[in-house]
């Protein structure tokens, strides 16, 4: 049986790209899906999958709460929250820095996940179960000189996921991150041919949706799952960090007599 069968899922940014692919895959697996997006095209996707659409600006906490409550009102519960809405970086970090776009980037890519987590956890904590997937990026696991601000928001999402997961584990809630490489979505726009010419793979949104379902089936938490063109999908192995404990071999000076 699919881990999606009979579940209710909320997908932010579900009007196109990765979000739409996840919404379609989840619906095909037996889930009832609510698409939360600022783009009214989400209504078309919702009709296609016999789901529901709620206009949602993820940069607003109230909108995230309203989206979650819409899902529970329409379908009686909420089991999965996919916090996927995101925007790409515009302009350079040094020569063409745009403070207003930087604020938009943080508001959607990071605040949207923070607010979505809060909204979903209100329901999941009460019912004692739930799964949260946040769309980060491979740029959140490494350096990204061409998009440093975008990478910063995605590093933050992964840090948030890994830090919140142990806090809510005893409440029956899992929290994981998807970390796709370049995906054929509106965020890349006209850059796709140039990326392909460099020999870098550009994957379909459906590949991310496939990995999203696999993450739910595995049932782990606090993990970041790369979505790349090779190998079997699996959680990223984070390196051990230096110990913060006192050195056990440290010599303690004797007290003066």
Protein backbone atom coordinates (compact mmCIF):
# COMPACT_ATOMS: atom_id res chain seq x y z
CA UNK A 1 0.00 0.00 0.00
CA UNK A 2 1.20 3.50 -0.83
CA UNK A 3 2.21 5.66 2.18
CA UNK A 4 -0.07 8.27 0.61
CA UNK A 5 -3.27 6.25 0.45
CA UNK A 6 -6.04 7.95 2.44
CA UNK A 7 -3.78 10.79 3.60
CA UNK A 8 -4.46 14.50 3.43
CA UNK A 9 -1.58 16.63 2.16
CA UNK A 10 -0.96 20.36 1.95
CA UNK A 11 1.52 21.52 -0.72
CA UNK A 12 2.70 25.13 -0.75
CA UNK A 13 3.87 26.43 -4.10
CA UNK A 14 1.76 23.71 -5.68
CA UNK A 15 0.64 25.67 -8.73
CA UNK A 16 3.68 24.75 -10.82
CA UNK A 17 7.10 23.11 -10.90
CA UNK A 18 8.08 20.82 -8.05
CA UNK A 19 4.96 21.60 -6.03
CA UNK A 20 2.60 20.67 -8.87
CA UNK A 21 4.53 17.46 -9.52
CA UNK A 22 4.33 16.49 -5.85
CA UNK A 23 0.61 17.32 -5.74
CA UNK A 24 -0.08 15.12 -8.78
CA UNK A 25 2.01 12.22 -7.50
CA UNK A 26 0.44 12.34 -4.05
CA UNK A 27 -3.05 12.45 -5.54
CA UNK A 28 -2.27 9.49 -7.80
CA UNK A 29 -1.11 7.61 -4.70
CA UNK A 30 -4.48 8.08 -3.02
CA UNK A 31 -3.97 11.33 -1.10
CA UNK A 32 -6.36 14.25 -1.00
CA UNK A 33 -4.33 17.37 -1.74
CA UNK A 34 -4.73 21.03 -0.90
CA UNK A 35 -2.64 23.36 -3.05
CA UNK A 36 -1.55 26.59 -1.36
CA UNK A 37 -0.13 29.24 -3.70
CA UNK A 38 -0.35 32.90 -4.66
CA UNK A 39 -0.73 31.86 -8.31
CA UNK A 40 -4.38 31.23 -9.28
CA UNK A 41 -3.16 28.59 -11.73
CA UNK A 42 -3.19 26.41 -8.64
CA UNK A 43 -6.97 26.21 -9.03
CA UNK A 44 -6.51 24.42 -12.36
CA UNK A 45 -4.08 21.91 -10.86
CA UNK A 46 -6.45 21.34 -7.92
CA UNK A 47 -9.36 20.59 -10.25
CA UNK A 48 -7.19 18.21 -12.25
CA UNK A 49 -6.37 16.10 -9.18
CA UNK A 50 -9.79 16.47 -7.49
CA UNK A 51 -8.16 18.49 -4.72
CA UNK A 52 -8.63 21.99 -3.36
CA UNK A 53 -6.90 25.35 -3.77
CA UNK A 54 -6.40 28.11 -1.22
CA UNK A 55 -4.66 31.35 -2.10
CA UNK A 56 -1.68 31.56 0.22
CA UNK A 57 1.17 34.02 0.65
CA UNK A 58 3.63 31.85 2.58
CA UNK A 59 5.45 34.97 3.76
CA UNK A 60 2.46 35.62 6.04
CA UNK A 61 1.90 33.49 9.13
CA UNK A 62 -1.86 34.07 8.98
CA UNK A 63 -2.03 32.69 5.44
CA UNK A 64 -0.18 29.52 6.45
CA UNK A 65 -2.53 28.99 9.38
CA UNK A 66 -5.52 29.55 7.09
CA UNK A 67 -4.20 27.00 4.57
CA UNK A 68 -3.80 24.34 7.26
CA UNK A 69 -7.26 25.04 8.64
CA UNK A 70 -8.74 24.86 5.13
CA UNK A 71 -7.28 21.37 4.69
CA UNK A 72 -8.71 20.15 7.99
CA UNK A 73 -12.07 21.78 7.31
CA UNK A 74 -12.42 20.28 3.84
CA UNK A 75 -10.97 16.83 4.47
CA UNK A 76 -11.25 16.36 8.23
CA UNK A 77 -7.54 16.11 8.99
CA UNK A 78 -4.01 16.86 7.81
CA UNK A 79 -1.26 14.23 7.61
CA UNK A 80 1.45 15.73 5.39
CA UNK A 81 2.70 19.29 4.92
CA UNK A 82 5.03 19.93 1.98
CA UNK A 83 6.59 23.37 2.47
CA UNK A 84 7.78 23.85 -1.06
CA UNK A 85 7.13 27.46 -2.11
CA UNK A 86 10.30 29.27 -3.16
CA UNK A 87 11.81 31.90 -5.43
CA UNK A 88 15.20 32.22 -7.10
CA UNK A 89 17.90 34.84 -6.72
CA UNK A 90 17.98 37.94 -8.90
CA UNK A 91 20.96 40.20 -9.38
CA UNK A 92 24.45 39.80 -7.98
CA UNK A 93 25.65 39.77 -4.40
CA UNK A 94 28.19 42.59 -4.89
CA UNK A 95 27.70 44.62 -8.09
CA UNK A 96 23.92 44.34 -8.37
CA UNK A 97 22.78 43.80 -4.80
CA UNK A 98 19.07 44.54 -4.31
CA UNK A 99 18.05 44.79 -0.66
CA UNK A 100 14.35 44.62 -1.52
CA UNK A 101 14.81 41.35 -3.40
CA UNK A 102 16.94 39.96 -0.57
CA UNK A 103 14.03 40.58 1.79
CA UNK A 104 11.64 38.84 -0.63
CA UNK A 105 14.01 35.89 -0.91
CA UNK A 106 14.17 35.43 2.86
CA UNK A 107 10.43 35.99 3.27
CA UNK A 108 9.45 33.25 0.84
CA UNK A 109 12.29 30.74 1.12
CA UNK A 110 12.85 30.85 4.87
CA UNK A 111 9.91 32.59 6.54
CA UNK A 112 7.56 30.45 4.44
CA UNK A 113 9.07 27.32 5.97
CA UNK A 114 9.17 28.74 9.50
CA UNK A 115 5.51 29.82 9.32
CA UNK A 116 4.47 26.61 7.58
CA UNK A 117 6.12 24.56 10.31
CA UNK A 118 4.31 26.48 13.03
CA UNK A 119 0.96 26.14 11.29
CA UNK A 120 1.33 22.42 10.63
CA UNK A 121 2.71 21.62 14.06
CA UNK A 122 -0.37 23.13 15.71
CA UNK A 123 -2.42 20.35 14.09
CA UNK A 124 0.17 17.58 14.20
CA UNK A 125 0.93 18.07 17.88
CA UNK A 126 -2.76 17.88 18.73
CA UNK A 127 -3.32 14.65 16.78
CA UNK A 128 0.03 13.07 17.70
CA UNK A 129 1.20 12.41 14.15
CA UNK A 130 2.25 14.15 10.95
CA UNK A 131 5.00 14.44 8.34
CA UNK A 132 6.63 17.65 7.17
CA UNK A 133 8.77 17.95 4.03
CA UNK A 134 10.59 21.21 3.30
CA UNK A 135 12.05 21.84 -0.13
CA UNK A 136 15.61 23.07 0.32
CA UNK A 137 18.24 22.60 -2.39
CA UNK A 138 21.56 20.97 -3.13
CA UNK A 139 22.78 24.57 -2.78
CA UNK A 140 21.91 24.20 0.90
CA UNK A 141 24.49 21.44 1.28
CA UNK A 142 27.42 23.13 -0.47
CA UNK A 143 28.72 26.46 -1.67
CA UNK A 144 26.90 28.24 -4.52
CA UNK A 145 28.99 31.20 -5.70
CA UNK A 146 26.50 32.16 -8.41
CA UNK A 147 23.57 32.35 -5.96
CA UNK A 148 24.93 33.04 -2.46
CA UNK A 149 21.74 34.54 -1.02
CA UNK A 150 19.57 31.74 -2.37
CA UNK A 151 22.07 29.25 -0.93
CA UNK A 152 21.96 31.03 2.42
CA UNK A 153 18.19 30.60 2.66
CA UNK A 154 18.45 26.92 1.76
CA UNK A 155 21.25 26.29 4.28
CA UNK A 156 18.94 27.89 6.83
CA UNK A 157 16.06 25.59 5.88
CA UNK A 158 18.23 22.51 6.34
CA UNK A 159 19.49 23.79 9.69
CA UNK A 160 15.92 24.45 10.77
CA UNK A 161 14.76 20.98 9.73
CA UNK A 162 17.61 19.22 11.53
CA UNK A 163 17.11 21.31 14.67
CA UNK A 164 13.31 21.08 14.90
CA UNK A 165 13.10 17.35 14.11
CA UNK A 166 14.37 16.08 17.50
CA UNK A 167 12.15 18.56 19.34
CA UNK A 168 8.95 17.17 17.81
CA UNK A 169 9.93 13.51 17.39
CA UNK A 170 8.22 12.47 20.63
CA UNK A 171 5.02 14.06 19.32
CA UNK A 172 4.91 11.62 16.42
CA UNK A 173 6.02 14.20 13.85
CA UNK A 174 8.77 13.76 11.25
CA UNK A 175 10.56 16.69 9.60
CA UNK A 176 12.80 16.25 6.55
CA UNK A 177 14.28 18.29 3.72
CA UNK A 178 14.41 17.66 -0.02
CA UNK A 179 17.60 18.93 -1.66
CA UNK A 180 17.21 18.92 -5.45
CA UNK A 181 19.91 19.77 -7.96
CA UNK A 182 18.85 21.87 -10.98
CA UNK A 183 15.20 21.15 -11.78
CA UNK A 184 13.27 22.17 -14.88
CA UNK A 185 11.03 24.77 -13.21
CA UNK A 186 10.14 28.45 -13.75
CA UNK A 187 12.85 29.44 -11.24
CA UNK A 188 15.56 28.48 -13.75
CA UNK A 189 13.74 30.05 -16.67
CA UNK A 190 16.00 30.81 -19.64
CA UNK A 191 19.10 29.51 -17.84
CA UNK A 192 18.27 25.85 -18.54
CA UNK A 193 20.01 25.63 -21.97
CA UNK A 194 23.19 27.19 -20.54
CA UNK A 195 23.19 24.80 -17.59
CA UNK A 196 22.72 21.82 -19.90
CA UNK A 197 25.51 23.05 -22.21
CA UNK A 198 27.89 22.87 -19.22
CA UNK A 199 27.11 19.16 -18.91
CA UNK A 200 25.10 19.64 -15.72
CA UNK A 201 21.96 17.53 -15.42
CA UNK A 202 18.61 19.28 -15.26
CA UNK A 203 16.04 16.91 -13.78
CA UNK A 204 12.28 16.87 -14.09
CA UNK A 205 10.05 17.96 -11.18
CA UNK A 206 8.61 14.43 -11.22
CA UNK A 207 11.96 13.10 -9.98
CA UNK A 208 11.67 15.28 -6.86
CA UNK A 209 8.12 14.05 -6.32
CA UNK A 210 9.35 10.46 -6.53
CA UNK A 211 11.97 11.10 -3.84
CA UNK A 212 9.40 12.94 -1.70
CA UNK A 213 7.22 9.83 -1.61
CA UNK A 214 10.26 7.69 -0.78
CA UNK A 215 11.17 9.93 2.17
CA UNK A 216 7.66 9.48 3.58
CA UNK A 217 7.81 5.72 3.05
CA UNK A 218 11.15 5.45 4.91
CA UNK A 219 9.80 7.29 7.95
CA UNK A 220 13.06 8.88 9.10
CA UNK A 221 13.37 12.37 10.52
CA UNK A 222 15.86 15.22 10.63
CA UNK A 223 17.27 14.17 7.27
CA UNK A 224 18.25 16.03 4.08
CA UNK A 225 17.70 14.04 0.88
CA UNK A 226 19.69 15.06 -2.23
CA UNK A 227 17.84 14.68 -5.52
CA UNK A 228 20.54 14.05 -8.13
CA UNK A 229 20.71 12.19 -11.48
CA UNK A 230 22.73 9.22 -10.30
CA UNK A 231 22.65 6.58 -7.58
CA UNK A 232 19.86 5.46 -5.30
CA UNK A 233 18.18 8.23 -3.29
CA UNK A 234 19.13 8.37 0.36
CA UNK A 235 19.73 10.84 3.20
CA UNK A 236 22.86 12.97 3.13
CA UNK A 237 25.59 11.84 5.54
CA UNK A 238 26.55 14.92 7.51
CA UNK A 239 30.13 14.95 8.81
CA UNK A 240 30.82 14.77 12.52
CA UNK A 241 31.45 18.16 14.08
CA UNK A 242 34.30 18.82 16.54
CA UNK A 243 33.39 18.00 20.12
CA UNK A 244 32.39 20.92 22.32
CA UNK A 245 33.10 18.99 25.51
CA UNK A 246 36.09 19.74 27.68
CA UNK A 247 39.29 17.94 26.74
CA UNK A 248 39.42 14.85 29.02
CA UNK A 249 43.23 14.97 28.86
CA UNK A 250 43.44 18.55 30.03
CA UNK A 251 45.66 18.90 33.06
CA UNK A 252 44.02 20.75 35.93
CA UNK A 253 46.55 22.85 37.86
CA UNK A 254 47.00 21.84 41.47
CA UNK A 255 45.77 24.28 44.07
CA UNK A 256 48.50 26.30 45.74
CA UNK A 257 49.33 25.08 49.24
